Amino acid sequence: MRTYAAASVAVIVALAGCGKPSQESMVSPVRGFVNTIRAGDVNIASYRSYVSRDVADADVEEWIGAVLRAVQAFGAELLYRIEPTGEDRARIRVTFAYGSEPKPAFEATVAKRNSGWWIVEADLADLDVGGASPSFAVGGSGRSGGRRRSR
C-alpha cells in the first residue's frame, strides 16, 4: 500500500458549470463512492467506482477528481493541496481562486478505512461563494456518519 509519504501536491483546475447543490453528507471513499450534486430537482453529476483495499497514487488522484467534480457547480478555479498528517491520515485544503486573492472554501481530513480513504471530518465554515453559503454534496455509497465541524 502506498501512502502520502511524498511532498504536498497542488493542482489548479479551472471548472465551468453552474447551479447550487442542495444536499450535504461528508463521507466519501476513494473507491466505492457515489458523488451527487443536486440543483433543485436536477442531478448534475453522479459518479460510481469500486472498493479497493490498496490505495495507490492513482487512487488518490481519482479521489481528488471526485472532489473536483463534486464542486464543479460553483464554477470557479480551485486550488487543492494535500498535506500528509500520518501514515493513515491526510489533510486536504481547497481554495477558490478569485482574481489575485484566493478565497478559502473548505478543509477535510481523510483517513484510511477498510474500503479505502474516507473523509472523516470537514470544515465548511469558510465555504462562501458570492456571498452565499451553498451546501456541499458528497454522498458515500448510501452510508452516513460524516461530521460537520464549525469554528
N, C-alpha and C. Protein backbone atom coordinates (compact mmCIF):
# COMPACT_ATOMS: atom_id res chain seq x y z
N MET A 1 0.84 -1.18 0.00
CA MET A 1 0.00 0.00 0.00
C MET A 1 0.88 1.24 0.00
N ARG A 2 0.53 2.23 -0.79
CA ARG A 2 1.28 3.47 -0.82
C ARG A 2 0.53 4.52 -0.03
N THR A 3 1.27 5.38 0.63
CA THR A 3 0.64 6.40 1.45
C THR A 3 1.08 7.77 0.97
N TYR A 4 0.70 8.80 1.71
CA TYR A 4 1.03 10.18 1.38
C TYR A 4 2.43 10.53 1.88
N ALA A 5 3.43 9.73 1.57
CA ALA A 5 4.78 9.99 2.06
C ALA A 5 5.46 11.11 1.28
N ALA A 6 5.00 11.36 0.07
CA ALA A 6 5.62 12.40 -0.76
C ALA A 6 5.21 13.79 -0.30
N ALA A 7 5.82 14.79 -0.91
CA ALA A 7 5.52 16.18 -0.55
C ALA A 7 4.08 16.52 -0.94
N SER A 8 3.59 17.63 -0.42
CA SER A 8 2.24 18.08 -0.73
C SER A 8 2.07 18.29 -2.23
N VAL A 9 0.88 18.03 -2.70
CA VAL A 9 0.59 18.16 -4.12
C VAL A 9 -0.43 19.27 -4.30
N ALA A 10 -0.18 20.17 -5.24
CA ALA A 10 -1.14 21.24 -5.53
C ALA A 10 -1.60 21.09 -6.97
N VAL A 11 -2.89 21.15 -7.20
CA VAL A 11 -3.44 21.04 -8.53
C VAL A 11 -4.41 22.19 -8.74
N ILE A 12 -4.20 22.96 -9.80
CA ILE A 12 -5.12 24.05 -10.10
C ILE A 12 -5.97 23.61 -11.28
N VAL A 13 -7.25 23.69 -11.13
CA VAL A 13 -8.16 23.25 -12.18
C VAL A 13 -9.21 24.31 -12.40
N ALA A 14 -9.40 24.70 -13.65
CA ALA A 14 -10.46 25.64 -13.97
C ALA A 14 -11.73 24.84 -14.23
N LEU A 15 -12.78 25.18 -13.56
CA LEU A 15 -14.03 24.45 -13.69
C LEU A 15 -15.10 25.34 -14.27
N ALA A 16 -15.90 24.78 -15.13
CA ALA A 16 -17.03 25.51 -15.66
C ALA A 16 -18.29 24.83 -15.17
N GLY A 17 -19.36 25.56 -15.05
CA GLY A 17 -20.61 24.97 -14.59
C GLY A 17 -21.36 25.95 -13.75
N CYS A 18 -22.58 25.62 -13.46
CA CYS A 18 -23.38 26.50 -12.62
C CYS A 18 -24.36 25.64 -11.84
N GLY A 19 -25.08 26.27 -10.95
CA GLY A 19 -26.04 25.54 -10.13
C GLY A 19 -25.59 25.53 -8.70
N LYS A 20 -26.50 25.23 -7.80
CA LYS A 20 -26.17 25.17 -6.38
C LYS A 20 -26.60 23.84 -5.81
N PRO A 21 -25.68 23.11 -5.20
CA PRO A 21 -26.05 21.85 -4.57
C PRO A 21 -26.97 22.08 -3.38
N SER A 22 -27.77 21.08 -3.07
CA SER A 22 -28.74 21.28 -2.00
C SER A 22 -28.68 20.21 -0.93
N GLN A 23 -27.73 19.30 -1.02
CA GLN A 23 -27.63 18.24 -0.03
C GLN A 23 -26.24 18.26 0.59
N GLU A 24 -26.13 17.65 1.75
CA GLU A 24 -24.83 17.63 2.41
C GLU A 24 -24.61 16.32 3.14
N SER A 25 -23.52 15.67 2.84
CA SER A 25 -23.10 14.46 3.52
C SER A 25 -21.60 14.39 3.33
N MET A 26 -20.85 14.22 4.38
CA MET A 26 -19.41 14.33 4.26
C MET A 26 -18.68 13.00 4.40
N VAL A 27 -19.14 11.97 3.71
CA VAL A 27 -18.43 10.69 3.74
C VAL A 27 -18.23 10.24 2.31
N SER A 28 -16.97 10.00 1.92
CA SER A 28 -16.71 9.53 0.56
C SER A 28 -15.39 8.79 0.50
N PRO A 29 -15.37 7.55 0.05
CA PRO A 29 -14.10 6.84 -0.09
C PRO A 29 -13.47 7.13 -1.44
N VAL A 30 -12.22 6.72 -1.60
CA VAL A 30 -11.58 6.88 -2.89
C VAL A 30 -12.29 6.03 -3.93
N ARG A 31 -12.59 4.80 -3.57
CA ARG A 31 -13.31 3.91 -4.47
C ARG A 31 -14.59 3.44 -3.77
N GLY A 32 -15.57 3.07 -4.56
CA GLY A 32 -16.83 2.66 -3.99
C GLY A 32 -17.65 3.86 -3.56
N PHE A 33 -17.53 4.97 -4.31
CA PHE A 33 -18.22 6.19 -3.92
C PHE A 33 -19.36 6.53 -4.87
N VAL A 34 -20.26 7.34 -4.41
CA VAL A 34 -21.27 7.95 -5.27
C VAL A 34 -21.28 9.43 -4.92
N ASN A 35 -20.93 10.27 -5.87
CA ASN A 35 -20.94 11.71 -5.64
C ASN A 35 -22.10 12.31 -6.42
N THR A 36 -22.90 13.11 -5.76
CA THR A 36 -24.07 13.69 -6.41
C THR A 36 -24.19 15.16 -6.07
N ILE A 37 -24.37 15.98 -7.09
CA ILE A 37 -24.67 17.39 -6.90
C ILE A 37 -26.10 17.60 -7.37
N ARG A 38 -26.91 18.23 -6.55
CA ARG A 38 -28.29 18.49 -6.94
C ARG A 38 -28.54 19.99 -7.00
N ALA A 39 -29.15 20.43 -8.08
CA ALA A 39 -29.58 21.82 -8.22
C ALA A 39 -31.10 21.75 -8.32
N GLY A 40 -31.77 22.01 -7.21
CA GLY A 40 -33.21 21.81 -7.18
C GLY A 40 -33.50 20.33 -7.31
N ASP A 41 -34.26 19.97 -8.34
CA ASP A 41 -34.56 18.56 -8.58
C ASP A 41 -33.65 17.94 -9.63
N VAL A 42 -32.64 18.70 -10.09
CA VAL A 42 -31.78 18.22 -11.16
C VAL A 42 -30.51 17.60 -10.58
N ASN A 43 -30.20 16.40 -11.05
CA ASN A 43 -28.99 15.71 -10.63
C ASN A 43 -27.87 16.13 -11.59
N ILE A 44 -26.94 16.97 -11.13
CA ILE A 44 -25.89 17.49 -12.01
C ILE A 44 -24.82 16.45 -12.31
N ALA A 45 -24.40 15.71 -11.31
CA ALA A 45 -23.33 14.74 -11.54
C ALA A 45 -23.46 13.57 -10.58
N SER A 46 -23.22 12.38 -11.08
CA SER A 46 -23.23 11.19 -10.23
C SER A 46 -22.11 10.27 -10.71
N TYR A 47 -21.22 9.90 -9.80
CA TYR A 47 -20.08 9.08 -10.18
C TYR A 47 -19.96 7.88 -9.25
N ARG A 48 -19.67 6.71 -9.83
CA ARG A 48 -19.51 5.50 -9.04
C ARG A 48 -18.16 4.87 -9.34
N SER A 49 -17.66 4.15 -8.40
CA SER A 49 -16.44 3.38 -8.62
C SER A 49 -16.53 2.13 -7.76
N TYR A 50 -15.43 1.43 -7.57
CA TYR A 50 -15.49 0.19 -6.81
C TYR A 50 -14.52 0.24 -5.64
N VAL A 51 -14.71 -0.67 -4.70
CA VAL A 51 -13.91 -0.70 -3.48
C VAL A 51 -12.55 -1.31 -3.78
N SER A 52 -11.52 -0.69 -3.23
CA SER A 52 -10.16 -1.20 -3.36
C SER A 52 -9.51 -1.18 -1.98
N ARG A 53 -8.83 -2.24 -1.62
CA ARG A 53 -8.18 -2.29 -0.31
C ARG A 53 -6.84 -1.58 -0.31
N ASP A 54 -6.16 -1.52 -1.44
CA ASP A 54 -4.88 -0.83 -1.53
C ASP A 54 -5.09 0.51 -2.22
N VAL A 55 -4.47 1.54 -1.72
CA VAL A 55 -4.63 2.87 -2.29
C VAL A 55 -3.30 3.33 -2.86
N ALA A 56 -3.23 3.44 -4.17
CA ALA A 56 -2.02 3.89 -4.84
C ALA A 56 -2.17 5.37 -5.19
N ASP A 57 -1.11 5.94 -5.76
CA ASP A 57 -1.17 7.35 -6.16
C ASP A 57 -2.33 7.61 -7.11
N ALA A 58 -2.58 6.67 -8.02
CA ALA A 58 -3.68 6.83 -8.96
C ALA A 58 -5.02 6.91 -8.24
N ASP A 59 -5.16 6.17 -7.14
CA ASP A 59 -6.40 6.21 -6.37
C ASP A 59 -6.59 7.58 -5.74
N VAL A 60 -5.50 8.15 -5.23
CA VAL A 60 -5.58 9.47 -4.63
C VAL A 60 -5.99 10.49 -5.67
N GLU A 61 -5.41 10.40 -6.87
CA GLU A 61 -5.78 11.31 -7.94
C GLU A 61 -7.24 11.13 -8.32
N GLU A 62 -7.71 9.88 -8.30
CA GLU A 62 -9.12 9.63 -8.60
C GLU A 62 -10.02 10.28 -7.55
N TRP A 63 -9.60 10.20 -6.28
CA TRP A 63 -10.39 10.81 -5.22
C TRP A 63 -10.43 12.32 -5.39
N ILE A 64 -9.27 12.92 -5.72
CA ILE A 64 -9.24 14.36 -5.95
C ILE A 64 -10.18 14.71 -7.10
N GLY A 65 -10.15 13.89 -8.15
CA GLY A 65 -11.05 14.12 -9.28
C GLY A 65 -12.50 14.06 -8.87
N ALA A 66 -12.83 13.15 -7.96
CA ALA A 66 -14.21 13.05 -7.47
C ALA A 66 -14.61 14.32 -6.74
N VAL A 67 -13.69 14.86 -5.93
CA VAL A 67 -13.99 16.10 -5.22
C VAL A 67 -14.12 17.25 -6.21
N LEU A 68 -13.26 17.28 -7.22
CA LEU A 68 -13.35 18.33 -8.25
C LEU A 68 -14.72 18.30 -8.91
N ARG A 69 -15.18 17.10 -9.28
CA ARG A 69 -16.49 17.01 -9.92
C ARG A 69 -17.60 17.41 -8.96
N ALA A 70 -17.40 17.12 -7.68
CA ALA A 70 -18.44 17.44 -6.71
C ALA A 70 -18.61 18.93 -6.51
N VAL A 71 -17.55 19.71 -6.73
CA VAL A 71 -17.67 21.16 -6.52
C VAL A 71 -17.74 21.93 -7.82
N GLN A 72 -17.83 21.25 -8.95
CA GLN A 72 -17.81 21.94 -10.23
C GLN A 72 -19.00 22.89 -10.40
N ALA A 73 -20.07 22.67 -9.66
CA ALA A 73 -21.24 23.53 -9.79
C ALA A 73 -20.95 24.97 -9.38
N PHE A 74 -19.88 25.18 -8.64
CA PHE A 74 -19.57 26.55 -8.21
C PHE A 74 -18.90 27.35 -9.31
N GLY A 75 -18.36 26.71 -10.34
CA GLY A 75 -17.79 27.40 -11.49
C GLY A 75 -16.65 28.33 -11.14
N ALA A 76 -15.65 27.87 -10.43
CA ALA A 76 -14.51 28.72 -10.07
C ALA A 76 -13.23 27.92 -10.17
N GLU A 77 -12.11 28.62 -10.22
CA GLU A 77 -10.83 27.93 -10.17
C GLU A 77 -10.61 27.43 -8.76
N LEU A 78 -10.07 26.24 -8.65
CA LEU A 78 -9.88 25.64 -7.33
C LEU A 78 -8.42 25.26 -7.14
N LEU A 79 -7.93 25.45 -5.95
CA LEU A 79 -6.59 25.01 -5.60
C LEU A 79 -6.72 23.91 -4.56
N TYR A 80 -6.21 22.73 -4.87
CA TYR A 80 -6.29 21.60 -3.95
C TYR A 80 -4.90 21.32 -3.40
N ARG A 81 -4.78 21.16 -2.12
CA ARG A 81 -3.49 20.86 -1.52
C ARG A 81 -3.65 19.69 -0.55
N ILE A 82 -2.83 18.68 -0.71
CA ILE A 82 -2.87 17.52 0.17
C ILE A 82 -1.70 17.60 1.12
N GLU A 83 -1.96 17.55 2.41
CA GLU A 83 -0.91 17.63 3.41
C GLU A 83 -0.91 16.35 4.24
N PRO A 84 0.15 15.53 4.13
CA PRO A 84 0.20 14.30 4.92
C PRO A 84 0.22 14.61 6.41
N THR A 85 -0.53 13.85 7.18
CA THR A 85 -0.54 14.03 8.64
C THR A 85 -0.24 12.72 9.36
N GLY A 86 0.12 11.70 8.63
CA GLY A 86 0.42 10.40 9.21
C GLY A 86 0.24 9.32 8.16
N GLU A 87 0.57 8.10 8.52
CA GLU A 87 0.50 7.01 7.54
C GLU A 87 -0.92 6.75 7.07
N ASP A 88 -1.90 6.96 7.94
CA ASP A 88 -3.27 6.65 7.56
C ASP A 88 -4.18 7.87 7.57
N ARG A 89 -3.60 9.07 7.54
CA ARG A 89 -4.40 10.29 7.52
C ARG A 89 -3.76 11.33 6.62
N ALA A 90 -4.59 12.21 6.06
CA ALA A 90 -4.09 13.33 5.28
C ALA A 90 -5.10 14.46 5.39
N ARG A 91 -4.63 15.68 5.24
CA ARG A 91 -5.49 16.87 5.30
C ARG A 91 -5.57 17.45 3.90
N ILE A 92 -6.76 17.76 3.43
CA ILE A 92 -6.95 18.34 2.12
C ILE A 92 -7.51 19.75 2.29
N ARG A 93 -6.85 20.73 1.69
CA ARG A 93 -7.30 22.12 1.75
C ARG A 93 -7.75 22.53 0.35
N VAL A 94 -8.92 23.12 0.26
CA VAL A 94 -9.48 23.55 -1.01
C VAL A 94 -9.69 25.05 -0.97
N THR A 95 -9.24 25.74 -2.01
CA THR A 95 -9.37 27.20 -2.07
C THR A 95 -9.93 27.61 -3.42
N PHE A 96 -10.89 28.52 -3.41
CA PHE A 96 -11.37 29.12 -4.65
C PHE A 96 -10.42 30.24 -5.01
N ALA A 97 -9.96 30.30 -6.25
CA ALA A 97 -9.04 31.36 -6.68
C ALA A 97 -9.81 32.44 -7.42
N TYR A 98 -10.23 33.47 -6.70
CA TYR A 98 -10.94 34.59 -7.29
C TYR A 98 -9.96 35.73 -7.48
N GLY A 99 -9.61 36.06 -8.74
CA GLY A 99 -8.69 37.15 -9.00
C GLY A 99 -7.34 36.91 -8.36
N SER A 100 -6.81 37.92 -7.71
CA SER A 100 -5.48 37.79 -7.12
C SER A 100 -5.52 37.27 -5.69
N GLU A 101 -6.70 37.22 -5.09
CA GLU A 101 -6.79 36.77 -3.70
C GLU A 101 -7.58 35.46 -3.60
N PRO A 102 -6.91 34.38 -3.25
CA PRO A 102 -7.62 33.11 -3.07
C PRO A 102 -8.63 33.22 -1.92
N LYS A 103 -9.74 32.52 -2.07
CA LYS A 103 -10.78 32.54 -1.06
C LYS A 103 -10.92 31.13 -0.48
N PRO A 104 -10.77 30.96 0.84
CA PRO A 104 -10.89 29.62 1.42
C PRO A 104 -12.25 29.00 1.11
N ALA A 105 -12.26 27.73 0.78
CA ALA A 105 -13.50 27.03 0.51
C ALA A 105 -13.80 26.06 1.65
N PHE A 106 -13.00 25.02 1.79
CA PHE A 106 -13.20 24.10 2.91
C PHE A 106 -11.94 23.28 3.13
N GLU A 107 -11.87 22.63 4.27
CA GLU A 107 -10.79 21.71 4.60
C GLU A 107 -11.42 20.38 4.99
N ALA A 108 -10.72 19.30 4.70
CA ALA A 108 -11.22 17.98 5.07
C ALA A 108 -10.06 17.10 5.51
N THR A 109 -10.34 16.20 6.43
CA THR A 109 -9.37 15.20 6.84
C THR A 109 -9.82 13.86 6.27
N VAL A 110 -8.90 13.16 5.61
CA VAL A 110 -9.22 11.83 5.09
C VAL A 110 -8.44 10.80 5.87
N ALA A 111 -9.03 9.63 6.07
CA ALA A 111 -8.38 8.57 6.84
C ALA A 111 -8.56 7.24 6.12
N LYS A 112 -7.59 6.37 6.30
CA LYS A 112 -7.65 5.03 5.70
C LYS A 112 -8.62 4.17 6.49
N ARG A 113 -9.59 3.62 5.78
CA ARG A 113 -10.52 2.67 6.37
C ARG A 113 -10.42 1.37 5.58
N ASN A 114 -11.18 0.35 5.96
CA ASN A 114 -11.10 -0.94 5.28
C ASN A 114 -11.35 -0.85 3.78
N SER A 115 -12.27 0.00 3.38
CA SER A 115 -12.66 0.05 1.97
C SER A 115 -12.01 1.19 1.20
N GLY A 116 -11.06 1.90 1.80
CA GLY A 116 -10.41 2.99 1.07
C GLY A 116 -10.20 4.20 1.95
N TRP A 117 -9.92 5.31 1.30
CA TRP A 117 -9.73 6.58 2.02
C TRP A 117 -11.07 7.30 2.11
N TRP A 118 -11.42 7.77 3.31
CA TRP A 118 -12.71 8.41 3.54
C TRP A 118 -12.53 9.78 4.15
N ILE A 119 -13.45 10.70 3.83
CA ILE A 119 -13.49 11.97 4.54
C ILE A 119 -14.06 11.68 5.92
N VAL A 120 -13.31 11.97 6.95
CA VAL A 120 -13.78 11.72 8.31
C VAL A 120 -14.12 13.02 9.03
N GLU A 121 -13.70 14.13 8.48
CA GLU A 121 -14.01 15.42 9.09
C GLU A 121 -13.90 16.48 8.01
N ALA A 122 -14.82 17.42 8.01
CA ALA A 122 -14.78 18.51 7.04
C ALA A 122 -15.18 19.80 7.72
N ASP A 123 -14.43 20.84 7.42
CA ASP A 123 -14.71 22.16 7.98
C ASP A 123 -15.24 23.03 6.85
N LEU A 124 -16.54 23.28 6.86
CA LEU A 124 -17.17 24.07 5.80
C LEU A 124 -17.46 25.49 6.24
N ALA A 125 -16.87 25.91 7.36
CA ALA A 125 -17.18 27.24 7.91
C ALA A 125 -16.83 28.35 6.93
N ASP A 126 -15.78 28.17 6.12
CA ASP A 126 -15.36 29.21 5.20
C ASP A 126 -15.96 29.05 3.81
N LEU A 127 -16.80 28.05 3.61
CA LEU A 127 -17.39 27.83 2.29
C LEU A 127 -18.38 28.94 1.99
N ASP A 128 -17.99 29.85 1.12
CA ASP A 128 -18.79 31.04 0.83
C ASP A 128 -18.54 31.43 -0.61
N VAL A 129 -19.55 31.32 -1.44
CA VAL A 129 -19.41 31.65 -2.85
C VAL A 129 -20.35 32.79 -3.19
N GLY A 130 -19.81 33.92 -3.59
CA GLY A 130 -20.63 35.06 -3.97
C GLY A 130 -21.53 35.56 -2.87
N GLY A 131 -21.07 35.46 -1.63
CA GLY A 131 -21.86 35.95 -0.51
C GLY A 131 -22.85 34.93 0.02
N ALA A 132 -23.06 33.84 -0.72
CA ALA A 132 -23.97 32.79 -0.25
C ALA A 132 -23.16 31.64 0.32
N SER A 133 -23.78 30.82 1.10
CA SER A 133 -23.11 29.64 1.65
C SER A 133 -23.83 28.39 1.18
N PRO A 134 -23.50 27.92 -0.04
CA PRO A 134 -24.19 26.75 -0.57
C PRO A 134 -23.79 25.48 0.16
N SER A 135 -24.65 24.47 0.08
CA SER A 135 -24.33 23.17 0.65
C SER A 135 -23.34 22.48 -0.26
N PHE A 136 -22.61 21.55 0.29
CA PHE A 136 -21.63 20.77 -0.46
C PHE A 136 -22.05 19.32 -0.38
N ALA A 137 -22.21 18.67 -1.52
CA ALA A 137 -22.73 17.31 -1.52
C ALA A 137 -21.69 16.30 -1.94
N VAL A 138 -21.36 15.40 -1.07
CA VAL A 138 -20.55 14.24 -1.41
C VAL A 138 -21.19 13.07 -0.69
N GLY A 139 -21.87 12.21 -1.42
CA GLY A 139 -22.54 11.07 -0.80
C GLY A 139 -21.66 9.85 -0.86
N GLY A 140 -21.67 9.05 0.18
CA GLY A 140 -20.78 7.88 0.23
C GLY A 140 -21.52 6.56 0.22
N SER A 141 -21.85 6.06 -0.93
CA SER A 141 -22.41 4.71 -1.09
C SER A 141 -23.56 4.42 -0.13
N GLY A 142 -24.39 5.43 0.12
CA GLY A 142 -25.53 5.21 0.98
C GLY A 142 -25.19 5.21 2.46
N ARG A 143 -23.93 5.39 2.80
CA ARG A 143 -23.54 5.40 4.21
C ARG A 143 -23.64 6.82 4.74
N SER A 144 -23.68 6.92 6.05
CA SER A 144 -23.64 8.23 6.68
C SER A 144 -22.64 8.18 7.82
N GLY A 145 -22.50 9.28 8.52
CA GLY A 145 -21.59 9.26 9.65
C GLY A 145 -20.53 10.32 9.57
N GLY A 146 -20.52 11.11 8.50
CA GLY A 146 -19.57 12.21 8.42
C GLY A 146 -19.95 13.29 9.41
N ARG A 147 -18.99 14.14 9.74
CA ARG A 147 -19.26 15.19 10.70
C ARG A 147 -19.04 16.55 10.08
N ARG A 148 -19.88 17.49 10.43
CA ARG A 148 -19.67 18.86 10.04
C ARG A 148 -19.14 19.59 11.26
N ARG A 149 -18.04 20.28 11.08
CA ARG A 149 -17.40 20.95 12.20
C ARG A 149 -17.38 22.44 11.90
N SER A 150 -17.71 23.25 12.87
CA SER A 150 -17.63 24.69 12.68
C SER A 150 -16.64 25.26 13.67
N ARG A 151 -16.07 26.40 13.28
CA ARG A 151 -15.07 27.03 14.14
C ARG A 151 -15.70 27.87 15.21
